[in-house]
Amino acid sequence: MVERDTYTKMAVAKARAMEASNKYTALMEMCLTDSPSKEEVGEHLLTIQRLRADHLEAAQVRDQRRTEEVEELKGKLILAEKEKVGL
């Protein structure tokens, strides 16, 4: 009787281990299917690069405008100082 109980416990433990292994395998398969494909990752990368380029271009235009504004203000300041000296 002891041998039969031991065998039964071992069979139950093995069945539980197999069930846990199956659950783990299913979880890993789900993780793999949820992962983006290489094509999707490539598309996202291209989108990011395009957005960065657009952002860089906008920043360069903004900097150019600011530079022009500063030069204009410098010219006005020089004229104002010349008028002060002339008075």
N, C-alpha and C. Protein backbone atom coordinates (compact mmCIF):
# COMPACT_ATOMS: atom_id res chain seq x y z
N MET A 1 0.81 -1.19 0.00
CA MET A 1 0.00 0.00 0.00
C MET A 1 0.86 1.26 0.00
N VAL A 2 1.98 1.22 0.70
CA VAL A 2 2.87 2.38 0.76
C VAL A 2 3.44 2.66 -0.63
N GLU A 3 3.78 1.60 -1.35
CA GLU A 3 4.33 1.79 -2.69
C GLU A 3 3.30 2.43 -3.61
N ARG A 4 2.07 2.01 -3.48
CA ARG A 4 1.01 2.56 -4.34
C ARG A 4 0.78 4.04 -4.02
N ASP A 5 0.78 4.42 -2.73
CA ASP A 5 0.62 5.82 -2.34
C ASP A 5 1.79 6.66 -2.85
N THR A 6 2.97 6.12 -2.75
CA THR A 6 4.15 6.83 -3.24
C THR A 6 4.07 7.04 -4.75
N TYR A 7 3.66 6.00 -5.46
CA TYR A 7 3.52 6.10 -6.92
C TYR A 7 2.45 7.13 -7.28
N THR A 8 1.34 7.11 -6.54
CA THR A 8 0.25 8.05 -6.80
C THR A 8 0.72 9.48 -6.58
N LYS A 9 1.44 9.71 -5.48
CA LYS A 9 1.96 11.06 -5.19
C LYS A 9 2.92 11.51 -6.29
N MET A 10 3.77 10.57 -6.75
CA MET A 10 4.72 10.90 -7.81
C MET A 10 3.99 11.22 -9.11
N ALA A 11 2.95 10.46 -9.43
CA ALA A 11 2.18 10.69 -10.66
C ALA A 11 1.48 12.04 -10.59
N VAL A 12 0.93 12.38 -9.44
CA VAL A 12 0.26 13.68 -9.27
C VAL A 12 1.28 14.81 -9.39
N ALA A 13 2.43 14.65 -8.76
CA ALA A 13 3.47 15.68 -8.84
C ALA A 13 3.95 15.87 -10.27
N LYS A 14 4.10 14.77 -10.99
CA LYS A 14 4.54 14.85 -12.39
C LYS A 14 3.48 15.55 -13.23
N ALA A 15 2.21 15.24 -12.99
CA ALA A 15 1.12 15.88 -13.73
C ALA A 15 1.10 17.38 -13.46
N ARG A 16 1.31 17.78 -12.22
CA ARG A 16 1.36 19.21 -11.88
C ARG A 16 2.54 19.90 -12.54
N ALA A 17 3.68 19.21 -12.55
CA ALA A 17 4.86 19.78 -13.19
C ALA A 17 4.63 19.96 -14.69
N MET A 18 3.99 18.99 -15.32
CA MET A 18 3.69 19.09 -16.75
C MET A 18 2.70 20.23 -17.01
N GLU A 19 1.72 20.38 -16.14
CA GLU A 19 0.75 21.46 -16.29
C GLU A 19 1.44 22.82 -16.15
N ALA A 20 2.34 22.94 -15.17
CA ALA A 20 3.08 24.19 -15.00
C ALA A 20 3.96 24.46 -16.22
N SER A 21 4.57 23.41 -16.75
CA SER A 21 5.40 23.56 -17.95
C SER A 21 4.56 24.01 -19.14
N ASN A 22 3.37 23.45 -19.28
CA ASN A 22 2.47 23.84 -20.37
C ASN A 22 2.03 25.30 -20.22
N LYS A 23 1.73 25.71 -18.99
CA LYS A 23 1.35 27.11 -18.75
C LYS A 23 2.50 28.04 -19.10
N TYR A 24 3.71 27.67 -18.71
CA TYR A 24 4.89 28.48 -19.02
C TYR A 24 5.10 28.57 -20.53
N THR A 25 4.95 27.45 -21.22
CA THR A 25 5.11 27.44 -22.68
C THR A 25 4.06 28.33 -23.33
N ALA A 26 2.83 28.26 -22.86
CA ALA A 26 1.77 29.11 -23.41
C ALA A 26 2.08 30.59 -23.16
N LEU A 27 2.59 30.89 -21.99
CA LEU A 27 2.95 32.27 -21.66
C LEU A 27 4.06 32.78 -22.58
N MET A 28 5.07 31.96 -22.80
CA MET A 28 6.17 32.35 -23.68
C MET A 28 5.70 32.54 -25.12
N GLU A 29 4.80 31.66 -25.58
CA GLU A 29 4.25 31.80 -26.93
C GLU A 29 3.46 33.10 -27.05
N MET A 30 2.72 33.44 -26.00
CA MET A 30 1.96 34.68 -26.01
C MET A 30 2.90 35.89 -26.05
N CYS A 31 3.98 35.81 -25.31
CA CYS A 31 4.96 36.91 -25.32
C CYS A 31 5.56 37.08 -26.72
N LEU A 32 5.84 35.97 -27.38
CA LEU A 32 6.40 36.03 -28.72
C LEU A 32 5.41 36.60 -29.73
N THR A 33 4.15 36.24 -29.60
CA THR A 33 3.17 36.75 -30.55
C THR A 33 2.87 38.22 -30.29
N ASP A 34 3.03 38.68 -29.06
CA ASP A 34 2.80 40.08 -28.73
C ASP A 34 3.97 40.97 -29.15
N SER A 35 5.14 40.37 -29.37
CA SER A 35 6.31 41.15 -29.76
C SER A 35 6.15 41.63 -31.20
N PRO A 36 6.58 42.87 -31.47
CA PRO A 36 6.47 43.37 -32.85
C PRO A 36 7.45 42.65 -33.77
N SER A 37 7.08 42.54 -35.03
CA SER A 37 7.95 41.90 -36.01
C SER A 37 9.07 42.86 -36.42
N LYS A 38 10.05 42.33 -37.14
CA LYS A 38 11.17 43.17 -37.60
C LYS A 38 10.65 44.28 -38.50
N GLU A 39 9.65 43.98 -39.31
CA GLU A 39 9.10 44.98 -40.22
C GLU A 39 8.46 46.12 -39.43
N GLU A 40 7.70 45.76 -38.38
CA GLU A 40 7.06 46.78 -37.55
C GLU A 40 8.10 47.65 -36.86
N VAL A 41 9.14 47.01 -36.34
CA VAL A 41 10.20 47.75 -35.67
C VAL A 41 10.89 48.68 -36.67
N GLY A 42 11.13 48.18 -37.88
CA GLY A 42 11.76 49.00 -38.92
C GLY A 42 10.89 50.20 -39.28
N GLU A 43 9.58 49.99 -39.38
CA GLU A 43 8.67 51.09 -39.68
C GLU A 43 8.70 52.14 -38.56
N HIS A 44 8.71 51.67 -37.32
CA HIS A 44 8.76 52.60 -36.19
C HIS A 44 10.07 53.38 -36.20
N LEU A 45 11.15 52.71 -36.52
CA LEU A 45 12.45 53.38 -36.57
C LEU A 45 12.46 54.47 -37.64
N LEU A 46 11.90 54.15 -38.81
CA LEU A 46 11.83 55.15 -39.88
C LEU A 46 10.97 56.35 -39.47
N THR A 47 9.87 56.07 -38.78
CA THR A 47 9.02 57.16 -38.31
C THR A 47 9.77 58.04 -37.31
N ILE A 48 10.49 57.42 -36.41
CA ILE A 48 11.27 58.18 -35.42
C ILE A 48 12.33 59.03 -36.12
N GLN A 49 13.03 58.45 -37.08
CA GLN A 49 14.06 59.20 -37.80
C GLN A 49 13.45 60.37 -38.55
N ARG A 50 12.30 60.15 -39.18
CA ARG A 50 11.64 61.23 -39.93
C ARG A 50 11.21 62.35 -38.98
N LEU A 51 10.65 61.97 -37.83
CA LEU A 51 10.23 62.98 -36.86
C LEU A 51 11.41 63.76 -36.31
N ARG A 52 12.52 63.07 -36.07
CA ARG A 52 13.72 63.77 -35.59
C ARG A 52 14.22 64.75 -36.64
N ALA A 53 14.22 64.33 -37.90
CA ALA A 53 14.67 65.21 -38.97
C ALA A 53 13.76 66.43 -39.08
N ASP A 54 12.46 66.22 -38.97
CA ASP A 54 11.51 67.33 -39.01
C ASP A 54 11.74 68.28 -37.84
N HIS A 55 11.95 67.70 -36.67
CA HIS A 55 12.19 68.51 -35.48
C HIS A 55 13.49 69.30 -35.62
N LEU A 56 14.52 68.66 -36.15
CA LEU A 56 15.80 69.34 -36.35
C LEU A 56 15.65 70.49 -37.34
N GLU A 57 14.93 70.24 -38.41
CA GLU A 57 14.72 71.29 -39.42
C GLU A 57 13.97 72.47 -38.81
N ALA A 58 12.94 72.19 -38.04
CA ALA A 58 12.17 73.25 -37.38
C ALA A 58 13.04 74.03 -36.41
N ALA A 59 13.91 73.35 -35.69
CA ALA A 59 14.80 74.02 -34.75
C ALA A 59 15.80 74.90 -35.49
N GLN A 60 16.28 74.44 -36.63
CA GLN A 60 17.22 75.24 -37.41
C GLN A 60 16.55 76.50 -37.95
N VAL A 61 15.32 76.37 -38.42
CA VAL A 61 14.58 77.54 -38.91
C VAL A 61 14.36 78.53 -37.77
N ARG A 62 13.97 78.00 -36.60
CA ARG A 62 13.74 78.85 -35.44
C ARG A 62 15.02 79.56 -35.03
N ASP A 63 16.15 78.86 -35.04
CA ASP A 63 17.43 79.48 -34.70
C ASP A 63 17.82 80.55 -35.71
N GLN A 64 17.56 80.31 -36.98
CA GLN A 64 17.87 81.29 -38.01
C GLN A 64 17.04 82.56 -37.80
N ARG A 65 15.77 82.39 -37.50
CA ARG A 65 14.92 83.56 -37.22
C ARG A 65 15.42 84.33 -36.01
N ARG A 66 15.80 83.63 -34.98
CA ARG A 66 16.31 84.30 -33.77
C ARG A 66 17.60 85.04 -34.07
N THR A 67 18.46 84.42 -34.89
CA THR A 67 19.72 85.08 -35.25
C THR A 67 19.43 86.37 -36.02
N GLU A 68 18.50 86.30 -36.95
CA GLU A 68 18.12 87.50 -37.71
C GLU A 68 17.53 88.56 -36.79
N GLU A 69 16.72 88.13 -35.84
CA GLU A 69 16.11 89.06 -34.87
C GLU A 69 17.18 89.74 -34.03
N VAL A 70 18.16 88.97 -33.58
CA VAL A 70 19.25 89.52 -32.77
C VAL A 70 20.05 90.54 -33.58
N GLU A 71 20.34 90.21 -34.84
CA GLU A 71 21.10 91.13 -35.68
C GLU A 71 20.30 92.42 -35.91
N GLU A 72 19.01 92.28 -36.11
CA GLU A 72 18.16 93.46 -36.29
C GLU A 72 18.17 94.34 -35.03
N LEU A 73 18.07 93.70 -33.87
CA LEU A 73 18.08 94.45 -32.61
C LEU A 73 19.44 95.10 -32.37
N LYS A 74 20.51 94.43 -32.78
CA LYS A 74 21.85 95.03 -32.65
C LYS A 74 21.94 96.29 -33.50
N GLY A 75 21.40 96.20 -34.73
CA GLY A 75 21.41 97.37 -35.61
C GLY A 75 20.63 98.52 -35.01
N LYS A 76 19.47 98.25 -34.43
CA LYS A 76 18.67 99.29 -33.79
C LYS A 76 19.41 99.89 -32.61
N LEU A 77 20.09 99.05 -31.84
CA LEU A 77 20.84 99.52 -30.69
C LEU A 77 21.97 100.45 -31.13
N ILE A 78 22.67 100.07 -32.19
CA ILE A 78 23.77 100.90 -32.70
C ILE A 78 23.22 102.25 -33.17
N LEU A 79 22.09 102.24 -33.87
CA LEU A 79 21.48 103.50 -34.31
C LEU A 79 21.06 104.36 -33.13
N ALA A 80 20.49 103.72 -32.10
CA ALA A 80 20.06 104.47 -30.92
C ALA A 80 21.26 105.09 -30.22
N GLU A 81 22.39 104.37 -30.15
CA GLU A 81 23.59 104.90 -29.50
C GLU A 81 24.18 106.05 -30.32
N LYS A 82 24.12 105.94 -31.64
CA LYS A 82 24.62 107.01 -32.50
C LYS A 82 23.77 108.27 -32.34
N GLU A 83 22.45 108.08 -32.20
CA GLU A 83 21.57 109.23 -31.99
C GLU A 83 21.86 109.90 -30.66
N LYS A 84 22.15 109.09 -29.63
CA LYS A 84 22.49 109.65 -28.31
C LYS A 84 23.76 110.48 -28.40
N VAL A 85 24.75 109.93 -29.10
CA VAL A 85 26.04 110.63 -29.22
C VAL A 85 25.87 111.89 -30.05
N GLY A 86 25.04 111.87 -31.04
CA GLY A 86 24.81 113.00 -31.93
C GLY A 86 24.07 114.13 -31.23
N LEU A 87 23.33 113.83 -30.18
CA LEU A 87 22.58 114.86 -29.48
C LEU A 87 23.48 115.59 -28.60
